[in-house]
Amino acid sequence: MDTKQLIESLIKDLYENKPLSDVFLKLQVVVYLLKNEQLTEWFNDENNGYDNGKTLPQYRILPVLFYAQVEQDRGFNGSLMYNNYNLPIDLIEDKEIQNIMSKFEYRDSISNITDLISNKEEGTISMAVPATTTTISLFSRRLQSNCYIHRIWREIPKNAVQNIISQIKSKLLQFLLEINENLNLNISFTEMENKEKIEKAFSQNITNHIYGNNNNVATGKNVEQNINHSFIDYEKLKEYGVEEQHIAELKIIEKEPDKSTLREKMLSWFSKVSAAVAARGLYDNIPAIMECVKNLAN
């Protein structure tokens, strides 16, 4: 099967709504043949899952709802237990923490996502949340004083997870249709004519639609990066338990010139650092870390 037949076979598979995990097995060959770095990186991230420090495409940032097992003290009448109590995100007073906790970064590989969807009949996917002192206190401040949280979990709509698959299929189909129509398959894919067409097709059909139009592509001497005065007390972050490698990452993020990209990278950084700090038992430091960095994204 030559390259054109392989691409057309993939188009047919997507049009017939074949499982994306099957499509990716065949797509791997096309990605190798096209020799495009951006396409290769995107394919590897989707196929293997995204590393914790990596910025996610927008379609992988999902809405979540929080639920809890809440006990209400009713005095001499004993107590009443609510086993599926919705915790509105606006119970959290800090708007920045609200924004972070209202979203879930889905980093799993395509095959894991496909398996999860196929094995899940309910309309939501539940994930436990460690009921730490900090987490409970974030939600408890606006609960009635006689209510106590025992257990917290978050629920993600199943259709939001399915939308990851739909988005990838749709944009991948557009990309393949365009290169099938416009590439000169008789010359090498590293030749400038084809190389530019592949880059343009990837940018228009995958990068812009999936990551948004805030990607900064810049080369040569015309690039000037604005380095702002630091908003962050790095010494404080060290006191709160943020490790040196995460400090170094944040110093790089702080120099990002595009505001929307900066905010996305900072929120991803905070999510990763919170997990690392919590793993060492420093739960109560998380709000203080958030306070240190929140001005960076304003």
C-alpha atoms as a PDB file:
ATOM      1  CA  MET A   1       0.000   0.000   0.000  1.00  0.00           C
ATOM      2  CA  ASP A   2       1.562   3.330  -1.072  1.00  0.00           C
ATOM      3  CA  THR A   3       1.328   6.572   0.898  1.00  0.00           C
ATOM      4  CA  LYS A   4      -1.689   7.920  -0.978  1.00  0.00           C
ATOM      5  CA  GLN A   5      -3.602   4.662  -0.488  1.00  0.00           C
ATOM      6  CA  LEU A   6      -2.711   4.670   3.197  1.00  0.00           C
ATOM      7  CA  ILE A   7      -3.964   8.237   3.654  1.00  0.00           C
ATOM      8  CA  GLU A   8      -7.168   7.458   1.758  1.00  0.00           C
ATOM      9  CA  SER A   9      -7.632   4.334   3.884  1.00  0.00           C
ATOM     10  CA  LEU A  10      -7.351   6.462   7.019  1.00  0.00           C
ATOM     11  CA  ILE A  11      -9.884   8.953   5.647  1.00  0.00           C
ATOM     12  CA  LYS A  12     -12.261   6.052   5.020  1.00  0.00           C
ATOM     13  CA  ASP A  13     -11.727   4.707   8.561  1.00  0.00           C
ATOM     14  CA  LEU A  14     -12.511   8.111  10.077  1.00  0.00           C
ATOM     15  CA  TYR A  15     -15.535   8.614   7.818  1.00  0.00           C
ATOM     16  CA  GLU A  16     -16.849   5.199   8.895  1.00  0.00           C
ATOM     17  CA  ASN A  17     -16.231   6.116  12.542  1.00  0.00           C
ATOM     18  CA  LYS A  18     -13.766   3.322  13.257  1.00  0.00           C
ATOM     19  CA  PRO A  19     -12.357   3.258  16.833  1.00  0.00           C
ATOM     20  CA  LEU A  20      -9.698   5.924  17.236  1.00  0.00           C
ATOM     21  CA  SER A  21      -7.285   3.444  18.848  1.00  0.00           C
ATOM     22  CA  ASP A  22      -7.416   1.419  15.591  1.00  0.00           C
ATOM     23  CA  VAL A  23      -6.997   4.564  13.478  1.00  0.00           C
ATOM     24  CA  PHE A  24      -3.899   5.529  15.457  1.00  0.00           C
ATOM     25  CA  LEU A  25      -2.159   2.238  14.671  1.00  0.00           C
ATOM     26  CA  LYS A  26      -2.385   3.064  10.960  1.00  0.00           C
ATOM     27  CA  LEU A  27      -1.774   6.780  11.514  1.00  0.00           C
ATOM     28  CA  GLN A  28       1.598   6.000  13.088  1.00  0.00           C
ATOM     29  CA  VAL A  29       2.925   4.978   9.671  1.00  0.00           C
ATOM     30  CA  VAL A  30       1.640   8.172   8.018  1.00  0.00           C
ATOM     31  CA  VAL A  31       3.142  10.320  10.784  1.00  0.00           C
ATOM     32  CA  TYR A  32       6.501   8.646  10.235  1.00  0.00           C
ATOM     33  CA  LEU A  33       6.340   9.199   6.487  1.00  0.00           C
ATOM     34  CA  LEU A  34       5.327  12.873   6.669  1.00  0.00           C
ATOM     35  CA  LYS A  35       8.387  13.821   8.765  1.00  0.00           C
ATOM     36  CA  ASN A  36       6.682  16.779  10.470  1.00  0.00           C
ATOM     37  CA  GLU A  37       7.934  17.525  13.993  1.00  0.00           C
ATOM     38  CA  GLN A  38       4.721  19.147  15.266  1.00  0.00           C
ATOM     39  CA  LEU A  39       2.552  16.338  13.951  1.00  0.00           C
ATOM     40  CA  THR A  40       4.908  13.720  15.440  1.00  0.00           C
ATOM     41  CA  GLU A  41       4.865  15.418  18.855  1.00  0.00           C
ATOM     42  CA  TRP A  42       1.068  15.723  18.854  1.00  0.00           C
ATOM     43  CA  PHE A  43       0.650  12.081  17.790  1.00  0.00           C
ATOM     44  CA  ASN A  44       3.044  10.821  20.488  1.00  0.00           C
ATOM     45  CA  ASP A  45       1.307  12.870  23.189  1.00  0.00           C
ATOM     46  CA  GLU A  46      -2.120  11.590  22.194  1.00  0.00           C
ATOM     47  CA  ASN A  47      -0.941   8.015  21.737  1.00  0.00           C
ATOM     48  CA  ASN A  48       1.090   7.756  24.952  1.00  0.00           C
ATOM     49  CA  GLY A  49      -0.588  10.360  27.159  1.00  0.00           C
ATOM     50  CA  TYR A  50       0.581  13.852  28.075  1.00  0.00           C
ATOM     51  CA  ASP A  51       3.349  14.361  30.636  1.00  0.00           C
ATOM     52  CA  ASN A  52       2.324  16.289  33.757  1.00  0.00           C
ATOM     53  CA  GLY A  53       4.340  19.377  32.894  1.00  0.00           C
ATOM     54  CA  LYS A  54       3.011  19.692  29.352  1.00  0.00           C
ATOM     55  CA  THR A  55       0.364  22.199  28.264  1.00  0.00           C
ATOM     56  CA  LEU A  56      -2.805  20.391  27.235  1.00  0.00           C
ATOM     57  CA  PRO A  57      -5.000  21.038  24.214  1.00  0.00           C
ATOM     58  CA  GLN A  58      -8.237  22.782  25.214  1.00  0.00           C
ATOM     59  CA  TYR A  59     -10.370  19.727  24.406  1.00  0.00           C
ATOM     60  CA  ARG A  60      -8.604  17.793  27.183  1.00  0.00           C
ATOM     61  CA  ILE A  61      -9.516  20.321  29.891  1.00  0.00           C
ATOM     62  CA  LEU A  62     -12.887  19.107  31.147  1.00  0.00           C
ATOM     63  CA  PRO A  63     -15.574  20.568  33.431  1.00  0.00           C
ATOM     64  CA  VAL A  64     -16.069  18.849  36.783  1.00  0.00           C
ATOM     65  CA  LEU A  65     -18.665  18.821  39.551  1.00  0.00           C
ATOM     66  CA  PHE A  66     -17.857  18.072  43.178  1.00  0.00           C
ATOM     67  CA  TYR A  67     -19.930  15.846  45.465  1.00  0.00           C
ATOM     68  CA  ALA A  68     -19.497  14.801  49.072  1.00  0.00           C
ATOM     69  CA  GLN A  69     -20.769  12.691  51.905  1.00  0.00           C
ATOM     70  CA  VAL A  70     -21.980  15.343  54.342  1.00  0.00           C
ATOM     71  CA  GLU A  71     -23.211  14.812  57.890  1.00  0.00           C
ATOM     72  CA  GLN A  72     -25.567  17.373  59.426  1.00  0.00           C
ATOM     73  CA  ASP A  73     -25.634  17.586  63.213  1.00  0.00           C
ATOM     74  CA  ARG A  74     -29.266  17.955  64.331  1.00  0.00           C
ATOM     75  CA  GLY A  75     -28.658  18.260  68.058  1.00  0.00           C
ATOM     76  CA  PHE A  76     -30.799  16.007  70.195  1.00  0.00           C
ATOM     77  CA  ASN A  77     -32.351  14.567  67.050  1.00  0.00           C
ATOM     78  CA  GLY A  78     -29.028  12.977  66.146  1.00  0.00           C
ATOM     79  CA  SER A  79     -27.515  13.522  62.736  1.00  0.00           C
ATOM     80  CA  LEU A  80     -28.566  13.247  59.106  1.00  0.00           C
ATOM     81  CA  MET A  81     -26.204  11.869  56.442  1.00  0.00           C
ATOM     82  CA  TYR A  82     -26.306  13.112  52.837  1.00  0.00           C
ATOM     83  CA  ASN A  83     -24.488  10.596  50.645  1.00  0.00           C
ATOM     84  CA  ASN A  84     -24.566  12.503  47.346  1.00  0.00           C
ATOM     85  CA  TYR A  85     -24.392  16.168  48.345  1.00  0.00           C
ATOM     86  CA  ASN A  86     -23.481  18.557  45.541  1.00  0.00           C
ATOM     87  CA  LEU A  87     -20.697  20.987  46.483  1.00  0.00           C
ATOM     88  CA  PRO A  88     -21.088  24.106  44.308  1.00  0.00           C
ATOM     89  CA  ILE A  89     -17.687  25.407  43.247  1.00  0.00           C
ATOM     90  CA  ASP A  90     -18.644  28.887  44.458  1.00  0.00           C
ATOM     91  CA  LEU A  91     -18.466  27.571  48.032  1.00  0.00           C
ATOM     92  CA  ILE A  92     -14.733  28.242  47.573  1.00  0.00           C
ATOM     93  CA  GLU A  93     -14.072  31.903  48.331  1.00  0.00           C
ATOM     94  CA  ASP A  94     -10.872  32.362  46.294  1.00  0.00           C
ATOM     95  CA  LYS A  95     -11.833  32.875  42.628  1.00  0.00           C
ATOM     96  CA  GLU A  96      -8.478  31.657  41.308  1.00  0.00           C
ATOM     97  CA  ILE A  97      -8.731  28.390  43.234  1.00  0.00           C
ATOM     98  CA  GLN A  98     -12.343  28.101  42.038  1.00  0.00           C
ATOM     99  CA  ASN A  99     -11.137  28.373  38.446  1.00  0.00           C
ATOM    100  CA  ILE A 100      -8.434  25.736  38.902  1.00  0.00           C
ATOM    101  CA  MET A 101     -10.638  23.221  40.713  1.00  0.00           C
ATOM    102  CA  SER A 102     -13.552  23.592  38.285  1.00  0.00           C
ATOM    103  CA  LYS A 103     -11.479  21.963  35.532  1.00  0.00           C
ATOM    104  CA  PHE A 104      -9.857  18.567  35.140  1.00  0.00           C
ATOM    105  CA  GLU A 105      -6.791  17.989  32.966  1.00  0.00           C
ATOM    106  CA  TYR A 106      -7.290  14.661  31.190  1.00  0.00           C
ATOM    107  CA  ARG A 107      -3.808  13.351  30.303  1.00  0.00           C
ATOM    108  CA  ASP A 108      -4.490   9.668  29.581  1.00  0.00           C
ATOM    109  CA  SER A 109      -3.597   8.003  26.296  1.00  0.00           C
ATOM    110  CA  ILE A 110      -6.192   7.546  23.556  1.00  0.00           C
ATOM    111  CA  SER A 111      -6.382   3.801  24.226  1.00  0.00           C
ATOM    112  CA  ASN A 112      -7.077   4.357  27.948  1.00  0.00           C
ATOM    113  CA  ILE A 113      -9.762   6.932  27.171  1.00  0.00           C
ATOM    114  CA  THR A 114     -11.379   4.578  24.645  1.00  0.00           C
ATOM    115  CA  ASP A 115     -11.371   1.719  27.162  1.00  0.00           C
ATOM    116  CA  LEU A 116     -12.854   3.923  29.875  1.00  0.00           C
ATOM    117  CA  ILE A 117     -15.703   5.103  27.671  1.00  0.00           C
ATOM    118  CA  SER A 118     -16.525   1.604  26.413  1.00  0.00           C
ATOM    119  CA  ASN A 119     -16.590   0.163  29.955  1.00  0.00           C
ATOM    120  CA  LYS A 120     -18.632   2.980  31.466  1.00  0.00           C
ATOM    121  CA  GLU A 121     -22.414   2.854  31.143  1.00  0.00           C
ATOM    122  CA  GLU A 122     -23.290   5.729  33.480  1.00  0.00           C
ATOM    123  CA  GLY A 123     -23.537   9.327  32.338  1.00  0.00           C
ATOM    124  CA  THR A 124     -20.677  10.459  34.583  1.00  0.00           C
ATOM    125  CA  ILE A 125     -17.186   9.303  35.552  1.00  0.00           C
ATOM    126  CA  SER A 126     -16.352   9.553  39.258  1.00  0.00           C
ATOM    127  CA  MET A 127     -12.891  10.257  40.672  1.00  0.00           C
ATOM    128  CA  ALA A 128     -12.023  10.323  44.361  1.00  0.00           C
ATOM    129  CA  VAL A 129     -10.544  13.486  45.857  1.00  0.00           C
ATOM    130  CA  PRO A 130      -8.292  13.185  48.927  1.00  0.00           C
ATOM    131  CA  ALA A 131     -10.377  14.556  51.803  1.00  0.00           C
ATOM    132  CA  THR A 132      -7.479  16.544  53.219  1.00  0.00           C
ATOM    133  CA  THR A 133      -7.822  19.296  55.792  1.00  0.00           C
ATOM    134  CA  THR A 134      -7.199  21.919  53.099  1.00  0.00           C
ATOM    135  CA  THR A 135      -9.670  20.486  50.598  1.00  0.00           C
ATOM    136  CA  ILE A 136     -12.405  20.148  53.195  1.00  0.00           C
ATOM    137  CA  SER A 137     -11.795  23.646  54.550  1.00  0.00           C
ATOM    138  CA  LEU A 138     -12.044  25.154  51.048  1.00  0.00           C
ATOM    139  CA  PHE A 139     -15.618  23.888  50.709  1.00  0.00           C
ATOM    140  CA  SER A 140     -16.631  24.067  54.387  1.00  0.00           C
ATOM    141  CA  ARG A 141     -16.279  27.810  54.883  1.00  0.00           C
ATOM    142  CA  ARG A 142     -19.689  28.564  53.373  1.00  0.00           C
ATOM    143  CA  LEU A 143     -21.500  25.412  54.494  1.00  0.00           C
ATOM    144  CA  GLN A 144     -23.813  25.618  57.465  1.00  0.00           C
ATOM    145  CA  SER A 145     -21.848  25.412  60.695  1.00  0.00           C
ATOM    146  CA  ASN A 146     -23.546  22.147  61.682  1.00  0.00           C
ATOM    147  CA  CYS A 147     -22.484  20.337  58.490  1.00  0.00           C
ATOM    148  CA  TYR A 148     -19.351  18.189  58.244  1.00  0.00           C
ATOM    149  CA  ILE A 149     -17.723  16.741  55.128  1.00  0.00           C
ATOM    150  CA  HIS A 150     -16.552  13.107  55.359  1.00  0.00           C
ATOM    151  CA  ARG A 151     -15.690  12.252  51.755  1.00  0.00           C
ATOM    152  CA  ILE A 152     -15.318  14.229  48.513  1.00  0.00           C
ATOM    153  CA  TRP A 153     -15.269  13.108  44.877  1.00  0.00           C
ATOM    154  CA  ARG A 154     -15.565  14.787  41.508  1.00  0.00           C
ATOM    155  CA  GLU A 155     -17.692  13.755  38.570  1.00  0.00           C
ATOM    156  CA  ILE A 156     -16.910  14.338  34.895  1.00  0.00           C
ATOM    157  CA  PRO A 157     -19.707  14.066  32.301  1.00  0.00           C
ATOM    158  CA  LYS A 158     -19.112  11.038  30.095  1.00  0.00           C
ATOM    159  CA  ASN A 159     -20.002  13.093  27.003  1.00  0.00           C
ATOM    160  CA  ALA A 160     -17.171  15.525  27.840  1.00  0.00           C
ATOM    161  CA  VAL A 161     -14.698  12.625  27.705  1.00  0.00           C
ATOM    162  CA  GLN A 162     -16.285  11.346  24.491  1.00  0.00           C
ATOM    163  CA  ASN A 163     -15.829  14.836  23.037  1.00  0.00           C
ATOM    164  CA  ILE A 164     -12.042  14.335  23.223  1.00  0.00           C
ATOM    165  CA  ILE A 165     -12.396  11.488  20.737  1.00  0.00           C
ATOM    166  CA  SER A 166     -14.814  13.446  18.529  1.00  0.00           C
ATOM    167  CA  GLN A 167     -12.558  16.511  18.382  1.00  0.00           C
ATOM    168  CA  ILE A 168      -9.498  14.490  17.410  1.00  0.00           C
ATOM    169  CA  LYS A 169     -11.386  12.544  14.731  1.00  0.00           C
ATOM    170  CA  SER A 170     -12.901  15.674  13.207  1.00  0.00           C
ATOM    171  CA  LYS A 171      -9.675  17.684  12.980  1.00  0.00           C
ATOM    172  CA  LEU A 172      -7.600  14.701  11.909  1.00  0.00           C
ATOM    173  CA  LEU A 173     -10.060  14.032   9.096  1.00  0.00           C
ATOM    174  CA  GLN A 174      -9.789  17.643   7.886  1.00  0.00           C
ATOM    175  CA  PHE A 175      -5.997  17.447   8.008  1.00  0.00           C
ATOM    176  CA  LEU A 176      -5.833  14.191   6.032  1.00  0.00           C
ATOM    177  CA  LEU A 177      -8.328  15.405   3.431  1.00  0.00           C
ATOM    178  CA  GLU A 178      -6.234  18.518   2.823  1.00  0.00           C
ATOM    179  CA  ILE A 179      -2.872  16.801   2.484  1.00  0.00           C
ATOM    180  CA  ASN A 180      -4.403  14.075   0.301  1.00  0.00           C
ATOM    181  CA  GLU A 181      -5.636  16.763  -2.074  1.00  0.00           C
ATOM    182  CA  ASN A 182      -2.646  19.087  -2.048  1.00  0.00           C
ATOM    183  CA  LEU A 183       0.532  17.034  -1.553  1.00  0.00           C
ATOM    184  CA  ASN A 184       2.724  16.010  -4.451  1.00  0.00           C
ATOM    185  CA  LEU A 185       3.164  12.373  -3.487  1.00  0.00           C
ATOM    186  CA  ASN A 186       5.780  11.822  -6.168  1.00  0.00           C
ATOM    187  CA  ILE A 187       8.422  13.832  -4.308  1.00  0.00           C
ATOM    188  CA  SER A 188       9.976  13.459  -0.860  1.00  0.00           C
ATOM    189  CA  PHE A 189       8.021  14.788   2.102  1.00  0.00           C
ATOM    190  CA  THR A 190      11.161  16.614   3.217  1.00  0.00           C
ATOM    191  CA  GLU A 191      11.203  18.633  -0.023  1.00  0.00           C
ATOM    192  CA  MET A 192      10.203  22.245   0.647  1.00  0.00           C
ATOM    193  CA  GLU A 193       7.053  22.062  -1.503  1.00  0.00           C
ATOM    194  CA  ASN A 194       5.510  19.253   0.536  1.00  0.00           C
ATOM    195  CA  LYS A 195       7.041  20.319   3.829  1.00  0.00           C
ATOM    196  CA  GLU A 196       5.358  23.730   3.705  1.00  0.00           C
ATOM    197  CA  LYS A 197       2.011  22.200   2.721  1.00  0.00           C
ATOM    198  CA  ILE A 198       2.143  19.731   5.634  1.00  0.00           C
ATOM    199  CA  GLU A 199       3.016  22.487   8.116  1.00  0.00           C
ATOM    200  CA  LYS A 200       0.222  24.694   6.801  1.00  0.00           C
ATOM    201  CA  ALA A 201      -2.331  21.861   6.902  1.00  0.00           C
ATOM    202  CA  PHE A 202      -1.343  20.907  10.457  1.00  0.00           C
ATOM    203  CA  SER A 203      -1.478  24.529  11.616  1.00  0.00           C
ATOM    204  CA  GLN A 204      -4.876  25.257  10.056  1.00  0.00           C
ATOM    205  CA  ASN A 205      -6.648  22.019  10.882  1.00  0.00           C
ATOM    206  CA  ILE A 206      -5.109  20.872  14.160  1.00  0.00           C
ATOM    207  CA  THR A 207      -3.055  23.560  15.907  1.00  0.00           C
ATOM    208  CA  ASN A 208      -5.457  26.502  15.470  1.00  0.00           C
ATOM    209  CA  HIS A 209      -8.608  24.493  16.132  1.00  0.00           C
ATOM    210  CA  ILE A 210      -7.291  22.442  19.027  1.00  0.00           C
ATOM    211  CA  TYR A 211      -4.881  24.764  20.816  1.00  0.00           C
ATOM    212  CA  GLY A 212      -6.524  27.996  19.700  1.00  0.00           C
ATOM    213  CA  ASN A 213      -5.053  30.962  17.875  1.00  0.00           C
ATOM    214  CA  ASN A 214      -2.813  31.943  20.767  1.00  0.00           C
ATOM    215  CA  ASN A 215       0.146  29.828  19.662  1.00  0.00           C
ATOM    216  CA  ASN A 216       3.225  31.949  19.219  1.00  0.00           C
ATOM    217  CA  VAL A 217       5.269  30.741  16.261  1.00  0.00           C
ATOM    218  CA  ALA A 218       8.350  32.871  15.846  1.00  0.00           C
ATOM    219  CA  THR A 219      11.719  32.391  14.197  1.00  0.00           C
ATOM    220  CA  GLY A 220      14.787  34.386  13.276  1.00  0.00           C
ATOM    221  CA  LYS A 221      15.998  37.786  14.439  1.00  0.00           C
ATOM    222  CA  ASN A 222      12.606  39.477  14.369  1.00  0.00           C
ATOM    223  CA  VAL A 223      11.602  37.854  17.649  1.00  0.00           C
ATOM    224  CA  GLU A 224      11.579  40.045  20.732  1.00  0.00           C
ATOM    225  CA  GLN A 225      10.424  38.627  24.044  1.00  0.00           C
ATOM    226  CA  ASN A 226       9.166  40.982  26.710  1.00  0.00           C
ATOM    227  CA  ILE A 227      10.632  40.038  30.067  1.00  0.00           C
ATOM    228  CA  ASN A 228       8.509  41.539  32.812  1.00  0.00           C
ATOM    229  CA  HIS A 229       9.545  42.363  36.314  1.00  0.00           C
ATOM    230  CA  SER A 230       8.850  39.304  38.469  1.00  0.00           C
ATOM    231  CA  PHE A 231       5.506  39.190  40.273  1.00  0.00           C
ATOM    232  CA  ILE A 232       6.603  36.199  42.355  1.00  0.00           C
ATOM    233  CA  ASP A 233       8.357  35.817  45.693  1.00  0.00           C
ATOM    234  CA  TYR A 234      10.401  32.719  44.900  1.00  0.00           C
ATOM    235  CA  GLU A 235      11.893  32.547  48.382  1.00  0.00           C
ATOM    236  CA  LYS A 236       8.383  32.273  49.833  1.00  0.00           C
ATOM    237  CA  LEU A 237       7.597  29.427  47.439  1.00  0.00           C
ATOM    238  CA  LYS A 238      10.677  27.566  48.673  1.00  0.00           C
ATOM    239  CA  GLU A 239       9.496  28.043  52.266  1.00  0.00           C
ATOM    240  CA  TYR A 240       6.129  26.540  51.323  1.00  0.00           C
ATOM    241  CA  GLY A 241       7.819  23.412  49.964  1.00  0.00           C
ATOM    242  CA  VAL A 242       8.037  24.092  46.220  1.00  0.00           C
ATOM    243  CA  GLU A 243      11.043  22.194  44.867  1.00  0.00           C
ATOM    244  CA  GLU A 244      13.925  23.772  42.927  1.00  0.00           C
ATOM    245  CA  GLN A 245      12.981  22.117  39.617  1.00  0.00           C
ATOM    246  CA  HIS A 246       9.456  23.568  39.861  1.00  0.00           C
ATOM    247  CA  ILE A 247      10.880  26.987  40.743  1.00  0.00           C
ATOM    248  CA  ALA A 248      13.026  26.808  37.600  1.00  0.00           C
ATOM    249  CA  GLU A 249       9.994  25.842  35.481  1.00  0.00           C
ATOM    250  CA  LEU A 250       7.992  28.780  36.848  1.00  0.00           C
ATOM    251  CA  LYS A 251      10.781  31.252  36.043  1.00  0.00           C
ATOM    252  CA  ILE A 252      10.580  30.119  32.408  1.00  0.00           C
ATOM    253  CA  ILE A 253       6.773  30.301  32.391  1.00  0.00           C
ATOM    254  CA  GLU A 254       6.887  33.843  33.802  1.00  0.00           C
ATOM    255  CA  LYS A 255       8.681  35.033  30.633  1.00  0.00           C
ATOM    256  CA  GLU A 256       5.881  33.824  28.318  1.00  0.00           C
ATOM    257  CA  PRO A 257       4.806  36.946  26.342  1.00  0.00           C
ATOM    258  CA  ASP A 258       1.283  35.789  25.462  1.00  0.00           C
ATOM    259  CA  LYS A 259      -1.135  36.317  28.362  1.00  0.00           C
ATOM    260  CA  SER A 260      -3.564  33.497  27.582  1.00  0.00           C
ATOM    261  CA  THR A 261      -0.733  30.994  27.034  1.00  0.00           C
ATOM    262  CA  LEU A 262       0.942  32.227  30.220  1.00  0.00           C
ATOM    263  CA  ARG A 263      -2.246  31.666  32.227  1.00  0.00           C
ATOM    264  CA  GLU A 264      -2.722  28.151  30.827  1.00  0.00           C
ATOM    265  CA  LYS A 265       0.888  27.180  31.585  1.00  0.00           C
ATOM    266  CA  MET A 266       0.704  28.659  35.077  1.00  0.00           C
ATOM    267  CA  LEU A 267      -2.492  26.737  35.934  1.00  0.00           C
ATOM    268  CA  SER A 268      -0.914  23.533  34.653  1.00  0.00           C
ATOM    269  CA  TRP A 269       2.167  24.272  36.774  1.00  0.00           C
ATOM    270  CA  PHE A 270       0.063  24.921  39.871  1.00  0.00           C
ATOM    271  CA  SER A 271      -1.842  21.659  39.416  1.00  0.00           C
ATOM    272  CA  LYS A 272       1.416  19.700  39.219  1.00  0.00           C
ATOM    273  CA  VAL A 273       3.040  21.499  42.159  1.00  0.00           C
ATOM    274  CA  SER A 274      -0.069  21.088  44.352  1.00  0.00           C
ATOM    275  CA  ALA A 275       0.058  17.327  43.798  1.00  0.00           C
ATOM    276  CA  ALA A 276       3.784  17.240  44.636  1.00  0.00           C
ATOM    277  CA  VAL A 277       3.328  19.312  47.802  1.00  0.00           C
ATOM    278  CA  ALA A 278       0.309  17.282  48.908  1.00  0.00           C
ATOM    279  CA  ALA A 279       2.258  14.040  48.398  1.00  0.00           C
ATOM    280  CA  ARG A 280       4.717  15.268  51.069  1.00  0.00           C
ATOM    281  CA  GLY A 281       1.886  16.047  53.506  1.00  0.00           C
ATOM    282  CA  LEU A 282       2.127  19.844  53.152  1.00  0.00           C
ATOM    283  CA  TYR A 283      -1.574  20.243  52.325  1.00  0.00           C
ATOM    284  CA  ASP A 284      -2.024  23.479  54.258  1.00  0.00           C
ATOM    285  CA  ASN A 285       0.613  25.237  52.123  1.00  0.00           C
ATOM    286  CA  ILE A 286      -1.365  24.926  48.876  1.00  0.00           C
ATOM    287  CA  PRO A 287      -3.532  28.078  49.349  1.00  0.00           C
ATOM    288  CA  ALA A 288      -0.382  30.063  50.231  1.00  0.00           C
ATOM    289  CA  ILE A 289       1.353  28.844  47.058  1.00  0.00           C
ATOM    290  CA  MET A 290      -1.710  29.895  45.063  1.00  0.00           C
ATOM    291  CA  GLU A 291      -1.567  33.336  46.654  1.00  0.00           C
ATOM    292  CA  CYS A 292       2.091  33.699  45.623  1.00  0.00           C
ATOM    293  CA  VAL A 293       1.503  32.990  41.934  1.00  0.00           C
ATOM    294  CA  LYS A 294      -2.047  34.134  41.185  1.00  0.00           C
ATOM    295  CA  ASN A 295      -1.035  37.676  40.114  1.00  0.00           C
ATOM    296  CA  LEU A 296       1.039  36.177  37.319  1.00  0.00           C
ATOM    297  CA  ALA A 297      -2.125  35.200  35.422  1.00  0.00           C
ATOM    298  CA  ASN A 298      -4.108  38.395  36.029  1.00  0.00           C
END
